[in-house]
């Protein structure tokens, strides 16, 4: 089988994530401690037994999900002697999960990744005052239809198709009133369901430009290596190997559409028939099934799943 390792994004977090890995694996504890040290924050305690509302603050959520994914990767490497380049053809991550993918592929160091994600989350939150922006999931219409609806709903405001998650699941983002107009239009045009999302900011649209500027400045001074496994990038939905190109795409990713459906299809068209979701939850496995059921997908986020994956990959 030709395999891809994929890494989840915001929405997969939960209180207790990583606690069982930490209790069972020194390799997980190493990662959580290194992230805590990099951020001068006891993020792992928040993940294991903290307040849900605090974990859901985006500047905490983003490095926490990366730490969870990297704990799994470290266990695979040190317990299973598993090398990424021998085990998968591609890495990819959904939105912030792209940083997890790049850390796993040894493009970014773990401390740099944690600090970049903390900044990314803080900058995204600051970019738009609370109540100005919104996001909504449109279920049952394809990307082209939702993109057209977003254009019609904008009416001199910002409204775009921000996440192309799977066939029939597209997220729009922008000004609150424009997103509400998009929901109304989508319902008129046969959407099965349209849901305003409980998010703290309108991600992946031009309202995030101040956050993109902050990331550009930070990324300019961060050391990037060539990936040991090709990255399939959110912005291009194709493989990228050049470190400077990847930096540029991470800046663009803040305001551009997450092309996840196309990314999965790109990997499929390049031979991938199995995806392994490393980290919290199984959102990406669910999306994969909606995109193409011929691609098998399993998640690895607790000790039993990680041990089963090691046994499979050895």
Protein backbone atom coordinates (compact mmCIF):
# COMPACT_ATOMS: atom_id res chain seq x y z
CA UNK A 1 0.00 0.00 0.00
CA UNK A 2 1.09 3.60 -0.59
CA UNK A 3 0.50 5.62 2.56
CA UNK A 4 0.11 9.25 3.63
CA UNK A 5 0.32 10.55 7.19
CA UNK A 6 -2.24 13.30 7.80
CA UNK A 7 -2.59 15.68 10.74
CA UNK A 8 -5.82 17.16 12.15
CA UNK A 9 -6.73 20.82 12.58
CA UNK A 10 -8.87 22.95 14.86
CA UNK A 11 -12.03 21.27 16.11
CA UNK A 12 -10.34 17.96 16.98
CA UNK A 13 -9.21 19.09 20.44
CA UNK A 14 -10.71 17.74 23.67
CA UNK A 15 -9.86 17.83 27.36
CA UNK A 16 -7.85 14.74 28.22
CA UNK A 17 -6.10 14.48 24.87
CA UNK A 18 -2.60 13.11 25.22
CA UNK A 19 -3.01 12.18 28.90
CA UNK A 20 -3.01 8.41 28.27
CA UNK A 21 -0.07 8.75 25.87
CA UNK A 22 1.86 10.68 28.52
CA UNK A 23 1.10 8.07 31.17
CA UNK A 24 2.20 5.20 28.93
CA UNK A 25 5.09 6.54 26.87
CA UNK A 26 8.22 8.46 27.84
CA UNK A 27 8.39 9.55 24.19
CA UNK A 28 5.09 11.41 24.55
CA UNK A 29 6.16 13.05 27.82
CA UNK A 30 9.31 14.31 26.08
CA UNK A 31 7.25 16.11 23.45
CA UNK A 32 4.77 17.65 25.88
CA UNK A 33 7.61 18.90 28.11
CA UNK A 34 9.50 20.38 25.15
CA UNK A 35 6.39 22.26 23.99
CA UNK A 36 5.68 23.49 27.52
CA UNK A 37 9.27 24.76 27.75
CA UNK A 38 9.15 26.43 24.33
CA UNK A 39 5.99 28.34 25.26
CA UNK A 40 6.87 28.93 28.95
CA UNK A 41 3.38 27.60 29.63
CA UNK A 42 1.99 24.43 31.19
CA UNK A 43 0.03 23.62 28.04
CA UNK A 44 0.09 19.89 28.71
CA UNK A 45 -1.76 20.33 32.03
CA UNK A 46 -4.42 22.31 30.17
CA UNK A 47 -4.70 19.52 27.59
CA UNK A 48 -4.89 16.71 30.16
CA UNK A 49 -7.26 18.18 32.73
CA UNK A 50 -7.82 21.88 32.11
CA UNK A 51 -10.79 24.05 31.31
CA UNK A 52 -12.42 23.34 27.94
CA UNK A 53 -13.05 27.01 27.20
CA UNK A 54 -9.39 27.78 27.83
CA UNK A 55 -8.21 24.95 25.57
CA UNK A 56 -10.57 26.18 22.86
CA UNK A 57 -8.89 29.61 22.78
CA UNK A 58 -7.15 29.39 19.42
CA UNK A 59 -3.65 30.34 20.61
CA UNK A 60 -3.83 27.33 22.96
CA UNK A 61 -5.66 24.98 20.60
CA UNK A 62 -3.15 25.30 17.78
CA UNK A 63 0.08 24.33 19.58
CA UNK A 64 -1.82 21.75 21.67
CA UNK A 65 -3.02 19.83 18.62
CA UNK A 66 0.47 19.94 17.12
CA UNK A 67 1.95 18.63 20.39
CA UNK A 68 -0.56 15.78 20.43
CA UNK A 69 0.30 14.78 16.86
CA UNK A 70 4.04 15.02 17.48
CA UNK A 71 3.75 12.87 20.60
CA UNK A 72 2.39 10.10 18.37
CA UNK A 73 5.14 10.66 15.79
CA UNK A 74 7.84 10.48 18.49
CA UNK A 75 6.46 7.20 19.80
CA UNK A 76 6.47 5.75 16.29
CA UNK A 77 10.07 6.85 15.76
CA UNK A 78 11.53 5.77 19.10
CA UNK A 79 9.35 2.82 20.13
CA UNK A 80 8.79 1.42 16.66
CA UNK A 81 12.03 2.53 14.96
CA UNK A 82 9.77 3.81 12.20
CA UNK A 83 11.23 6.30 9.73
CA UNK A 84 8.74 8.60 8.04
CA UNK A 85 10.46 8.43 4.67
CA UNK A 86 10.21 4.62 4.67
CA UNK A 87 6.60 4.57 5.90
CA UNK A 88 4.74 7.17 3.83
CA UNK A 89 4.82 8.90 0.45
CA UNK A 90 3.32 12.22 1.61
CA UNK A 91 2.45 14.24 4.69
CA UNK A 92 -0.42 16.73 4.83
CA UNK A 93 -2.30 18.61 7.53
CA UNK A 94 -5.58 20.47 7.71
CA UNK A 95 -4.94 24.19 8.36
CA UNK A 96 -2.83 24.30 11.56
CA UNK A 97 -2.22 20.57 10.96
CA UNK A 98 0.12 21.64 8.17
CA UNK A 99 2.57 22.76 10.89
CA UNK A 100 2.32 19.29 12.47
CA UNK A 101 3.03 17.73 9.07
CA UNK A 102 6.04 20.01 8.57
CA UNK A 103 7.36 19.24 12.05
CA UNK A 104 6.99 15.51 11.43
CA UNK A 105 8.80 15.93 8.09
CA UNK A 106 11.67 17.71 9.91
CA UNK A 107 11.12 21.02 8.12
CA UNK A 108 10.56 22.93 11.38
CA UNK A 109 11.89 22.14 14.85
CA UNK A 110 9.35 21.29 17.53
CA UNK A 111 10.02 24.46 19.61
CA UNK A 112 9.78 26.68 16.52
CA UNK A 113 6.54 25.00 15.48
CA UNK A 114 5.02 25.55 18.94
CA UNK A 115 6.04 29.22 18.97
CA UNK A 116 4.80 29.81 15.42
CA UNK A 117 1.43 28.26 16.20
CA UNK A 118 1.06 30.27 19.39
CA UNK A 119 1.72 33.42 17.35
CA UNK A 120 -0.58 32.23 14.56
CA UNK A 121 -3.44 31.69 16.99
CA UNK A 122 -2.87 34.99 18.81
CA UNK A 123 -2.59 36.94 15.55
CA UNK A 124 -5.71 35.36 14.09
CA UNK A 125 -7.68 36.22 17.21
CA UNK A 126 -6.46 39.81 17.20
CA UNK A 127 -7.05 40.34 13.48
CA UNK A 128 -10.83 40.74 13.76
CA UNK A 129 -12.80 42.07 16.76
CA UNK A 130 -15.20 39.53 18.27
CA UNK A 131 -18.61 39.70 16.62
CA UNK A 132 -17.39 41.14 13.31
CA UNK A 133 -16.67 37.84 11.55
CA UNK A 134 -18.25 34.42 11.30
CA UNK A 135 -17.97 31.03 9.64
CA UNK A 136 -20.63 28.55 8.52
CA UNK A 137 -20.59 24.99 7.25
CA UNK A 138 -22.69 24.38 4.14
CA UNK A 139 -23.67 20.72 3.84
CA UNK A 140 -24.99 19.13 0.66
CA UNK A 141 -23.68 21.52 -2.02
CA UNK A 142 -20.43 21.20 -3.96
CA UNK A 143 -17.54 23.64 -3.81
CA UNK A 144 -18.36 25.50 -7.02
CA UNK A 145 -21.93 26.10 -5.90
CA UNK A 146 -20.84 27.38 -2.48
CA UNK A 147 -18.13 29.56 -4.00
CA UNK A 148 -20.78 31.23 -6.18
CA UNK A 149 -23.11 31.65 -3.19
CA UNK A 150 -20.29 33.31 -1.20
CA UNK A 151 -19.64 35.77 -4.04
CA UNK A 152 -23.34 36.69 -4.18
CA UNK A 153 -23.56 37.01 -0.40
CA UNK A 154 -20.54 39.30 -0.08
CA UNK A 155 -22.30 42.53 -1.20
CA UNK A 156 -19.22 44.73 -0.67
CA UNK A 157 -18.22 42.73 2.40
CA UNK A 158 -15.97 39.66 2.58
CA UNK A 159 -17.43 36.19 2.17
CA UNK A 160 -15.46 33.31 0.68
CA UNK A 161 -15.41 29.52 0.52
CA UNK A 162 -12.71 28.99 3.14
CA UNK A 163 -12.53 25.22 3.60
CA UNK A 164 -13.18 22.70 0.82
CA UNK A 165 -13.37 19.78 3.21
CA UNK A 166 -15.09 17.06 1.20
CA UNK A 167 -17.81 16.49 -1.36
CA UNK A 168 -20.79 18.32 0.07
CA UNK A 169 -19.02 19.95 3.02
CA UNK A 170 -17.73 23.47 2.41
CA UNK A 171 -17.13 26.18 5.01
CA UNK A 172 -17.66 29.87 4.26
CA UNK A 173 -15.92 32.66 6.15
CA UNK A 174 -16.09 36.44 6.30
CA UNK A 175 -18.14 39.29 7.74
CA UNK A 176 -20.93 38.05 10.00
CA UNK A 177 -23.75 39.59 7.95
CA UNK A 178 -22.34 38.24 4.69
CA UNK A 179 -21.98 34.73 6.12
CA UNK A 180 -25.58 34.88 7.33
CA UNK A 181 -26.65 35.90 3.82
CA UNK A 182 -24.69 32.95 2.41
CA UNK A 183 -26.48 30.56 4.77
CA UNK A 184 -29.87 31.90 3.65
CA UNK A 185 -28.97 31.61 -0.05
CA UNK A 186 -27.55 28.11 0.44
CA UNK A 187 -30.75 26.97 2.13
CA UNK A 188 -32.79 28.37 -0.76
CA UNK A 189 -30.60 26.45 -3.22
CA UNK A 190 -31.03 23.08 -1.64
CA UNK A 191 -28.32 22.77 0.99
CA UNK A 192 -29.11 19.84 3.25
CA UNK A 193 -27.97 21.83 6.26
CA UNK A 194 -26.21 25.13 6.96
CA UNK A 195 -24.68 25.69 10.38
CA UNK A 196 -23.08 28.81 11.85
CA UNK A 197 -19.90 27.55 13.51
CA UNK A 198 -18.88 28.34 17.08
CA UNK A 199 -15.48 29.82 16.16
CA UNK A 200 -13.67 32.78 17.64
CA UNK A 201 -12.65 34.36 14.32
CA UNK A 202 -13.33 34.13 10.54
CA UNK A 203 -10.37 32.00 9.47
CA UNK A 204 -9.01 31.62 5.93
CA UNK A 205 -10.36 34.82 4.43
CA UNK A 206 -8.96 38.30 3.74
CA UNK A 207 -10.05 39.52 7.18
CA UNK A 208 -7.05 37.54 8.43
CA UNK A 209 -4.54 39.72 6.52
CA UNK A 210 -3.01 41.21 9.71
CA UNK A 211 -2.31 37.67 10.92
CA UNK A 212 -0.72 36.80 7.56
CA UNK A 213 1.58 39.81 7.94
CA UNK A 214 2.60 38.68 11.44
CA UNK A 215 3.32 35.16 10.18
CA UNK A 216 5.37 36.46 7.26
CA UNK A 217 7.59 38.38 9.64
CA UNK A 218 8.02 35.42 12.00
CA UNK A 219 8.59 32.86 9.26
CA UNK A 220 11.26 35.03 7.66
CA UNK A 221 13.52 34.48 10.65
CA UNK A 222 12.68 30.78 11.20
CA UNK A 223 14.98 28.05 9.89
CA UNK A 224 13.28 25.68 7.45
CA UNK A 225 14.79 22.47 6.05
CA UNK A 226 13.72 20.51 2.99
CA UNK A 227 11.07 17.95 4.00
CA UNK A 228 12.19 14.33 4.35
CA UNK A 229 8.76 13.43 2.92
CA UNK A 230 6.93 15.66 0.40
CA UNK A 231 4.26 17.97 1.83
CA UNK A 232 0.90 18.29 0.08
CA UNK A 233 0.10 21.93 0.81
CA UNK A 234 -3.31 23.37 1.68
CA UNK A 235 -2.96 26.31 -0.71
CA UNK A 236 -1.84 24.42 -3.83
CA UNK A 237 -3.25 20.91 -3.20
CA UNK A 238 0.00 19.55 -4.64
CA UNK A 239 3.37 18.45 -3.32
CA UNK A 240 5.90 21.02 -2.23
CA UNK A 241 9.54 20.41 -1.32
CA UNK A 242 11.23 23.81 -1.46
CA UNK A 243 11.60 25.38 2.02
CA UNK A 244 11.18 28.97 0.81
CA UNK A 245 8.08 28.04 -1.21
CA UNK A 246 6.63 26.31 1.86
CA UNK A 247 7.20 29.46 3.95
CA UNK A 248 5.38 31.54 1.35
CA UNK A 249 2.48 29.07 1.28
CA UNK A 250 2.17 29.16 5.08
CA UNK A 251 1.70 32.92 4.86
CA UNK A 252 -0.89 32.57 2.10
CA UNK A 253 -2.63 29.77 3.98
CA UNK A 254 -3.84 32.24 6.64
CA UNK A 255 -6.13 34.02 4.14
CA UNK A 256 -6.63 31.36 1.45
CA UNK A 257 -8.91 28.37 1.02
CA UNK A 258 -7.91 25.08 2.66
CA UNK A 259 -8.11 22.78 -0.37
CA UNK A 260 -8.41 19.54 1.60
CA UNK A 261 -10.67 17.65 -0.82
CA UNK A 262 -8.30 18.38 -3.69
CA UNK A 263 -5.29 17.48 -1.52
CA UNK A 264 -6.73 14.04 -0.80
CA UNK A 265 -7.52 13.54 -4.50
CA UNK A 266 -3.97 14.62 -5.42
CA UNK A 267 -2.52 12.02 -3.08
CA UNK A 268 -4.91 9.38 -4.41
CA UNK A 269 -3.94 10.23 -8.00
CA UNK A 270 -0.29 9.82 -6.98
CA UNK A 271 -0.80 6.32 -5.68
CA UNK A 272 -1.96 6.81 -2.08
CA UNK A 273 -4.53 4.21 -1.04
CA UNK A 274 -4.12 4.46 2.73
CA UNK A 275 -4.14 7.42 5.10
CA UNK A 276 -3.14 7.40 8.75
CA UNK A 277 -4.43 10.28 10.88
CA UNK A 278 -1.91 10.98 13.64
CA UNK A 279 -3.15 12.87 16.69
CA UNK A 280 -6.46 13.89 18.20
CA UNK A 281 -9.74 12.55 16.87
CA UNK A 282 -10.68 11.11 13.51
CA UNK A 283 -12.12 14.07 11.60
CA UNK A 284 -9.83 13.59 8.61
CA UNK A 285 -10.71 9.90 8.36
CA UNK A 286 -14.37 10.92 8.17
CA UNK A 287 -13.62 13.44 5.43
CA UNK A 288 -11.52 10.89 3.54
CA UNK A 289 -14.44 8.46 3.42
CA UNK A 290 -16.64 11.19 1.94
CA UNK A 291 -14.01 12.12 -0.65
CA UNK A 292 -13.10 8.63 -1.87
CA UNK A 293 -14.08 5.42 -0.11
CA UNK A 294 -11.37 3.50 -1.96
CA UNK A 295 -8.81 5.15 0.33
CA UNK A 296 -8.58 3.31 3.65
CA UNK A 297 -8.04 5.49 6.72
CA UNK A 298 -7.28 4.80 10.37
CA UNK A 299 -6.50 7.12 13.25
CA UNK A 300 -3.83 6.77 15.91
CA UNK A 301 -4.31 8.90 19.00
CA UNK A 302 -4.36 6.61 22.04
CA UNK A 303 -1.93 3.95 23.28
CA UNK A 304 -3.84 1.01 21.82
CA UNK A 305 -4.11 2.63 18.40
CA UNK A 306 -0.46 3.69 18.39
CA UNK A 307 0.73 0.22 19.39
CA UNK A 308 -1.45 -1.34 16.69
CA UNK A 309 0.00 1.07 14.15
CA UNK A 310 3.56 0.22 15.18
CA UNK A 311 2.80 -3.49 14.80
CA UNK A 312 1.37 -2.80 11.35
CA UNK A 313 4.28 -0.65 10.14
CA UNK A 314 7.17 -2.76 11.42
